[in-house]
Amino acid sequence: MTPGALGRIESELPSLPEALRRVGEVILEDPAEAARSTIIALAERAGSSPATVTRFCRAFGFAGYADLRVALATETGRAAQAGWGAGVGHAIGPDDPLDSAIKIMAAADTRLIQDTAAQVDPDTVGQVADLVVEARKILLVGVSTSGNVAAMLAGRLRRIGLPCWSTSDAHEALSDSALLTEGDVVLGVSHRGRTREVIEALAEAGSQGATTVAVTSFARSPVAEVADLLLATAASPETPLRLGGLAAAHAQLFVLDAVYVAVAQRTHERTSQAFARTIRAVESHRVER
């Protein structure tokens, strides 16, 4: 597995069986120490057995413990070099100096983007872009912060001439999804993957023959299960002063921006012409220096 293992472990930890969850908790508590530990030592710290640690490794796509150790060593080394340590695992408190809080935020968000880039599948991004380019209709569905993220991509795709729109209303999402057919595409954006409006819209669109895509931080979530394709983002830890869903918007925007870039690459000439025309159209609304 590529770097980004810690982000995946962190995001999927709550859904793991208790024995595997304890192994994950020990790893997240001190990833560098886990990278140095033998399988027996790690099992003892987790109150489990080497066989359980092996099951944990395989649950996350590793052939065995040796591969997990390599991934952890690589990721912790990369984090140290980038200076992430100050922000990872530290919750900003009400009495923290603002300059310290800003550094913690920058470190945490940097790691979030890097983890997302490491775990997102370029082939899936390309497949989604191909579908979007050829789609008769493109619908994006999201609620609250995820809805704002969805609306941003919809606006960018419309600006290059693609038939795209977004909605955060449950009735609109279901009605729009019911009118889709084969060849249409729906992207559902949900941080935790448990937003009912998004799940129901993807299910309805899929039943009509449309291709459905989930954008979520939780690969084992209901929205991922109902979708045809998954664009996974790294999860951001929930803290009292920084809601996980709000911080996750950075990762969602990054993945959807990758889709947009892939679409623009595939439609370069048309996109360039659309940009030129739209820039001219709004030029009169720009204040001169």
Protein backbone atom coordinates (compact mmCIF):
# COMPACT_ATOMS: atom_id res chain seq x y z
CA MET A 1 0.00 0.00 0.00
CA THR A 2 1.20 3.51 -0.73
CA PRO A 3 1.63 6.17 1.98
CA GLY A 4 -1.69 7.18 3.44
CA ALA A 5 -2.03 4.06 5.57
CA LEU A 6 -2.41 6.08 8.77
CA GLY A 7 -5.25 8.08 7.27
CA ARG A 8 -7.07 4.91 6.23
CA ILE A 9 -6.56 3.29 9.63
CA GLU A 10 -7.80 6.42 11.35
CA SER A 11 -10.91 6.70 9.19
CA GLU A 12 -11.90 3.02 9.33
CA LEU A 13 -11.03 2.40 12.98
CA PRO A 14 -14.59 2.79 14.34
CA SER A 15 -15.93 0.12 11.95
CA LEU A 16 -13.33 -2.53 12.83
CA PRO A 17 -13.99 -5.50 15.15
CA GLU A 18 -12.77 -4.86 18.69
CA ALA A 19 -9.58 -6.95 18.43
CA LEU A 20 -8.50 -5.26 15.19
CA ARG A 21 -9.50 -1.88 16.56
CA ARG A 22 -7.10 -2.28 19.49
CA VAL A 23 -4.25 -2.96 17.06
CA GLY A 24 -5.15 0.16 15.10
CA GLU A 25 -5.31 2.26 18.25
CA VAL A 26 -1.80 1.18 19.28
CA ILE A 27 -0.46 2.02 15.82
CA LEU A 28 -2.10 5.45 15.76
CA GLU A 29 -0.92 6.21 19.29
CA ASP A 30 2.74 6.01 18.17
CA PRO A 31 3.21 5.12 14.48
CA ALA A 32 7.00 5.47 14.66
CA GLU A 33 7.20 3.00 17.55
CA ALA A 34 4.90 0.59 15.71
CA ALA A 35 7.22 0.77 12.70
CA ARG A 36 10.13 -0.32 14.94
CA SER A 37 8.23 -3.03 16.83
CA THR A 38 8.20 -6.74 16.15
CA ILE A 39 4.85 -8.34 15.50
CA ILE A 40 4.99 -9.97 18.94
CA ALA A 41 5.72 -6.67 20.69
CA LEU A 42 2.89 -4.90 18.86
CA ALA A 43 0.47 -7.73 19.65
CA GLU A 44 1.37 -7.57 23.35
CA ARG A 45 0.83 -3.80 23.48
CA ALA A 46 -2.58 -4.26 21.85
CA GLY A 47 -3.53 -7.13 24.17
CA SER A 48 -3.94 -9.42 21.18
CA SER A 49 -2.01 -12.06 19.25
CA PRO A 50 0.34 -12.05 16.23
CA ALA A 51 -2.45 -13.72 14.24
CA THR A 52 -4.73 -10.76 14.98
CA VAL A 53 -2.03 -8.32 13.85
CA THR A 54 -1.70 -10.31 10.61
CA ARG A 55 -5.47 -10.13 10.09
CA PHE A 56 -5.27 -6.39 10.66
CA CYS A 57 -2.56 -6.06 8.01
CA ARG A 58 -4.57 -8.00 5.45
CA ALA A 59 -7.71 -5.97 6.20
CA PHE A 60 -5.81 -2.91 4.96
CA GLY A 61 -4.31 -4.57 1.91
CA PHE A 62 -0.88 -5.54 3.24
CA ALA A 63 0.57 -8.97 2.50
CA GLY A 64 1.93 -9.14 6.04
CA TYR A 65 3.38 -7.26 8.98
CA ALA A 66 6.67 -6.51 7.22
CA ASP A 67 4.81 -4.51 4.55
CA LEU A 68 2.89 -2.60 7.22
CA ARG A 69 6.14 -1.69 9.01
CA VAL A 70 7.64 -0.37 5.77
CA ALA A 71 4.54 1.75 5.08
CA LEU A 72 4.52 3.15 8.63
CA ALA A 73 8.25 3.93 8.54
CA THR A 74 7.87 5.67 5.18
CA GLU A 75 4.91 7.72 6.29
CA THR A 76 6.29 8.78 9.66
CA GLY A 77 9.58 9.73 8.02
CA ARG A 78 7.72 11.79 5.43
CA ALA A 79 5.69 13.47 8.18
CA ALA A 80 8.81 14.35 10.17
CA GLN A 81 10.52 15.80 7.10
CA ALA A 82 7.48 17.92 6.28
CA GLY A 83 7.17 19.12 9.88
CA TRP A 84 3.70 17.69 10.45
CA GLY A 85 4.38 16.47 13.96
CA ALA A 86 3.21 19.63 15.69
CA GLY A 87 -0.27 19.36 14.23
CA VAL A 88 -0.96 15.65 14.04
CA GLY A 89 -2.97 14.34 16.95
CA HIS A 90 -3.02 17.70 18.76
CA ALA A 91 -6.38 19.26 19.46
CA ILE A 92 -6.35 23.05 19.53
CA GLY A 93 -7.38 24.27 22.97
CA PRO A 94 -9.20 27.47 23.91
CA ASP A 95 -6.03 28.90 25.49
CA ASP A 96 -3.60 28.06 22.68
CA PRO A 97 -1.89 31.12 21.16
CA LEU A 98 -3.32 31.92 17.74
CA ASP A 99 0.04 31.57 15.98
CA SER A 100 0.37 28.07 17.44
CA ALA A 101 -3.19 27.18 16.41
CA ILE A 102 -2.50 28.32 12.85
CA LYS A 103 0.63 26.15 12.67
CA ILE A 104 -1.29 23.16 13.99
CA MET A 105 -4.02 23.72 11.40
CA ALA A 106 -1.49 24.03 8.58
CA ALA A 107 0.28 20.84 9.62
CA ALA A 108 -2.95 18.86 9.97
CA ASP A 109 -4.38 20.09 6.66
CA THR A 110 -1.09 19.43 4.86
CA ARG A 111 -1.14 15.87 6.09
CA LEU A 112 -4.81 15.54 5.11
CA ILE A 113 -4.11 16.58 1.52
CA GLN A 114 -0.98 14.44 1.27
CA ASP A 115 -2.81 11.39 2.64
CA THR A 116 -5.65 11.95 0.21
CA ALA A 117 -3.26 12.26 -2.73
CA ALA A 118 -1.54 9.07 -1.64
CA GLN A 119 -4.66 6.95 -1.36
CA VAL A 120 -6.80 8.22 -4.23
CA ASP A 121 -6.71 5.91 -7.24
CA PRO A 122 -5.65 7.76 -10.44
CA ASP A 123 -7.33 5.11 -12.58
CA THR A 124 -10.65 5.76 -10.84
CA VAL A 125 -10.23 9.52 -11.23
CA GLY A 126 -9.63 8.96 -14.95
CA GLN A 127 -12.63 6.65 -15.23
CA VAL A 128 -14.89 9.22 -13.55
CA ALA A 129 -13.53 11.94 -15.85
CA ASP A 130 -14.26 9.81 -18.92
CA LEU A 131 -17.83 9.27 -17.73
CA VAL A 132 -18.31 12.98 -17.02
CA VAL A 133 -17.03 14.00 -20.45
CA GLU A 134 -19.47 11.66 -22.21
CA ALA A 135 -22.42 12.16 -19.84
CA ARG A 136 -25.79 13.43 -21.01
CA LYS A 137 -26.40 14.85 -17.53
CA ILE A 138 -24.15 15.23 -14.47
CA LEU A 139 -25.67 15.64 -11.01
CA LEU A 140 -23.79 16.37 -7.78
CA VAL A 141 -25.46 15.80 -4.43
CA GLY A 142 -24.22 16.87 -1.01
CA VAL A 143 -25.57 18.39 2.20
CA SER A 144 -24.17 21.20 4.35
CA THR A 145 -20.40 21.63 3.86
CA SER A 146 -20.28 18.72 1.42
CA GLY A 147 -23.08 20.40 -0.52
CA ASN A 148 -20.98 23.54 -0.88
CA VAL A 149 -18.10 21.44 -2.18
CA ALA A 150 -20.40 19.73 -4.68
CA ALA A 151 -21.74 23.09 -5.86
CA MET A 152 -18.22 24.35 -6.51
CA LEU A 153 -17.42 21.47 -8.88
CA ALA A 154 -20.79 21.80 -10.59
CA GLY A 155 -20.11 25.47 -11.26
CA ARG A 156 -16.66 24.76 -12.67
CA LEU A 157 -17.97 22.04 -14.98
CA ARG A 158 -20.78 24.27 -16.23
CA ARG A 159 -18.25 26.96 -17.02
CA ILE A 160 -16.54 24.65 -19.49
CA GLY A 161 -19.82 23.76 -21.13
CA LEU A 162 -20.83 20.52 -19.42
CA PRO A 163 -24.49 19.84 -18.49
CA CYS A 164 -23.97 19.77 -14.73
CA TRP A 165 -25.85 20.97 -11.65
CA SER A 166 -25.94 20.30 -7.91
CA THR A 167 -28.52 20.11 -5.16
CA SER A 168 -28.59 19.74 -1.39
CA ASP A 169 -32.37 19.40 -1.11
CA ALA A 170 -33.62 15.85 -0.47
CA HIS A 171 -36.74 16.14 -2.66
CA GLU A 172 -34.84 17.78 -5.52
CA ALA A 173 -32.09 15.18 -5.32
CA LEU A 174 -34.55 12.29 -5.49
CA SER A 175 -36.66 13.88 -8.23
CA ASP A 176 -33.60 14.71 -10.34
CA SER A 177 -32.16 11.23 -9.80
CA ALA A 178 -35.42 9.58 -10.84
CA LEU A 179 -35.22 11.30 -14.24
CA LEU A 180 -31.70 10.11 -15.01
CA THR A 181 -30.92 7.25 -17.37
CA GLU A 182 -28.01 5.17 -18.60
CA GLY A 183 -25.17 7.46 -19.62
CA ASP A 184 -25.85 9.98 -16.85
CA VAL A 185 -23.53 10.40 -13.85
CA VAL A 186 -24.22 11.26 -10.20
CA LEU A 187 -21.49 12.18 -7.71
CA GLY A 188 -22.50 12.01 -4.06
CA VAL A 189 -20.31 13.89 -1.60
CA SER A 190 -20.46 12.87 2.07
CA HIS A 191 -17.62 13.04 4.59
CA ARG A 192 -18.74 10.17 6.80
CA GLY A 193 -20.76 8.48 4.06
CA ARG A 194 -23.90 8.31 6.20
CA THR A 195 -25.94 11.26 4.90
CA ARG A 196 -29.37 9.85 4.07
CA GLU A 197 -30.12 12.36 1.28
CA VAL A 198 -26.93 11.40 -0.58
CA ILE A 199 -27.38 7.66 -0.08
CA GLU A 200 -30.98 7.73 -1.31
CA ALA A 201 -30.13 9.89 -4.34
CA LEU A 202 -27.33 7.53 -5.43
CA ALA A 203 -29.57 4.51 -4.95
CA GLU A 204 -32.39 6.08 -6.99
CA ALA A 205 -30.04 7.17 -9.77
CA GLY A 206 -28.44 3.75 -9.88
CA SER A 207 -31.83 2.07 -10.19
CA GLN A 208 -32.49 4.20 -13.29
CA GLY A 209 -29.23 3.09 -14.92
CA ALA A 210 -27.05 6.09 -14.13
CA THR A 211 -23.45 5.60 -12.98
CA THR A 212 -22.98 6.59 -9.35
CA VAL A 213 -19.80 7.88 -7.69
CA ALA A 214 -19.22 8.30 -3.95
CA VAL A 215 -16.77 10.87 -2.56
CA THR A 216 -16.21 10.00 1.10
CA SER A 217 -13.58 9.59 3.80
CA PHE A 218 -15.05 6.26 4.92
CA ALA A 219 -14.60 3.44 2.41
CA ARG A 220 -16.82 1.09 4.45
CA SER A 221 -19.74 3.48 4.68
CA PRO A 222 -23.29 3.13 3.30
CA VAL A 223 -22.71 5.72 0.57
CA ALA A 224 -19.63 3.82 -0.65
CA GLU A 225 -21.57 0.55 -0.66
CA VAL A 226 -24.38 1.94 -2.83
CA ALA A 227 -22.06 3.60 -5.40
CA ASP A 228 -20.53 2.09 -8.53
CA LEU A 229 -17.22 3.95 -8.05
CA LEU A 230 -15.42 5.31 -4.99
CA LEU A 231 -13.21 8.38 -4.69
CA ALA A 232 -11.75 8.01 -1.20
CA THR A 233 -10.49 10.98 0.78
CA ALA A 234 -8.41 10.92 3.96
CA ALA A 235 -10.31 11.46 7.19
CA SER A 236 -9.70 14.43 9.44
CA PRO A 237 -9.81 13.85 13.20
CA GLU A 238 -12.79 15.42 14.98
CA THR A 239 -11.81 17.97 17.63
CA PRO A 240 -13.97 20.38 19.68
CA LEU A 241 -12.75 23.43 17.77
CA ARG A 242 -12.46 21.81 14.32
CA LEU A 243 -15.30 19.65 13.07
CA GLY A 244 -14.12 16.73 10.97
CA GLY A 245 -16.56 17.46 8.15
CA LEU A 246 -15.37 21.05 7.80
CA ALA A 247 -11.69 20.09 7.68
CA ALA A 248 -12.55 17.25 5.28
CA ALA A 249 -13.74 19.83 2.75
CA HIS A 250 -10.08 20.40 1.86
CA ALA A 251 -9.69 16.74 0.93
CA GLN A 252 -13.01 16.66 -0.94
CA LEU A 253 -12.05 19.74 -2.94
CA PHE A 254 -8.70 18.19 -3.77
CA VAL A 255 -10.20 14.98 -5.13
CA LEU A 256 -12.90 16.80 -7.11
CA ASP A 257 -10.28 19.20 -8.44
CA ALA A 258 -8.36 16.15 -9.70
CA VAL A 259 -11.52 15.06 -11.52
CA TYR A 260 -11.91 18.55 -12.97
CA VAL A 261 -8.29 18.62 -14.18
CA ALA A 262 -8.72 15.21 -15.80
CA VAL A 263 -11.89 16.42 -17.53
CA ALA A 264 -10.16 19.62 -18.70
CA GLN A 265 -7.28 17.56 -20.09
CA ARG A 266 -9.70 15.44 -22.09
CA THR A 267 -11.56 18.49 -23.42
CA HIS A 268 -8.63 20.91 -23.68
CA GLU A 269 -9.63 22.77 -26.84
CA ARG A 270 -13.28 23.09 -25.86
CA THR A 271 -12.34 24.09 -22.31
CA SER A 272 -9.94 26.78 -23.52
CA GLN A 273 -12.60 28.26 -25.80
CA ALA A 274 -15.20 28.19 -23.01
CA PHE A 275 -12.81 29.97 -20.64
CA ALA A 276 -12.11 32.68 -23.18
CA ARG A 277 -15.81 33.27 -23.80
CA THR A 278 -16.78 33.32 -20.11
CA ILE A 279 -13.91 35.64 -19.20
CA ARG A 280 -15.11 38.09 -21.84
CA ALA A 281 -18.69 37.78 -20.57
CA VAL A 282 -17.84 38.82 -17.01
CA GLU A 283 -15.08 41.29 -17.80
CA SER A 284 -17.37 44.30 -17.41
CA HIS A 285 -18.01 43.29 -13.78
CA ARG A 286 -14.35 43.48 -12.81
CA VAL A 287 -13.10 46.65 -11.18
CA GLU A 288 -10.04 48.08 -12.91
CA ARG A 289 -6.92 48.79 -10.89
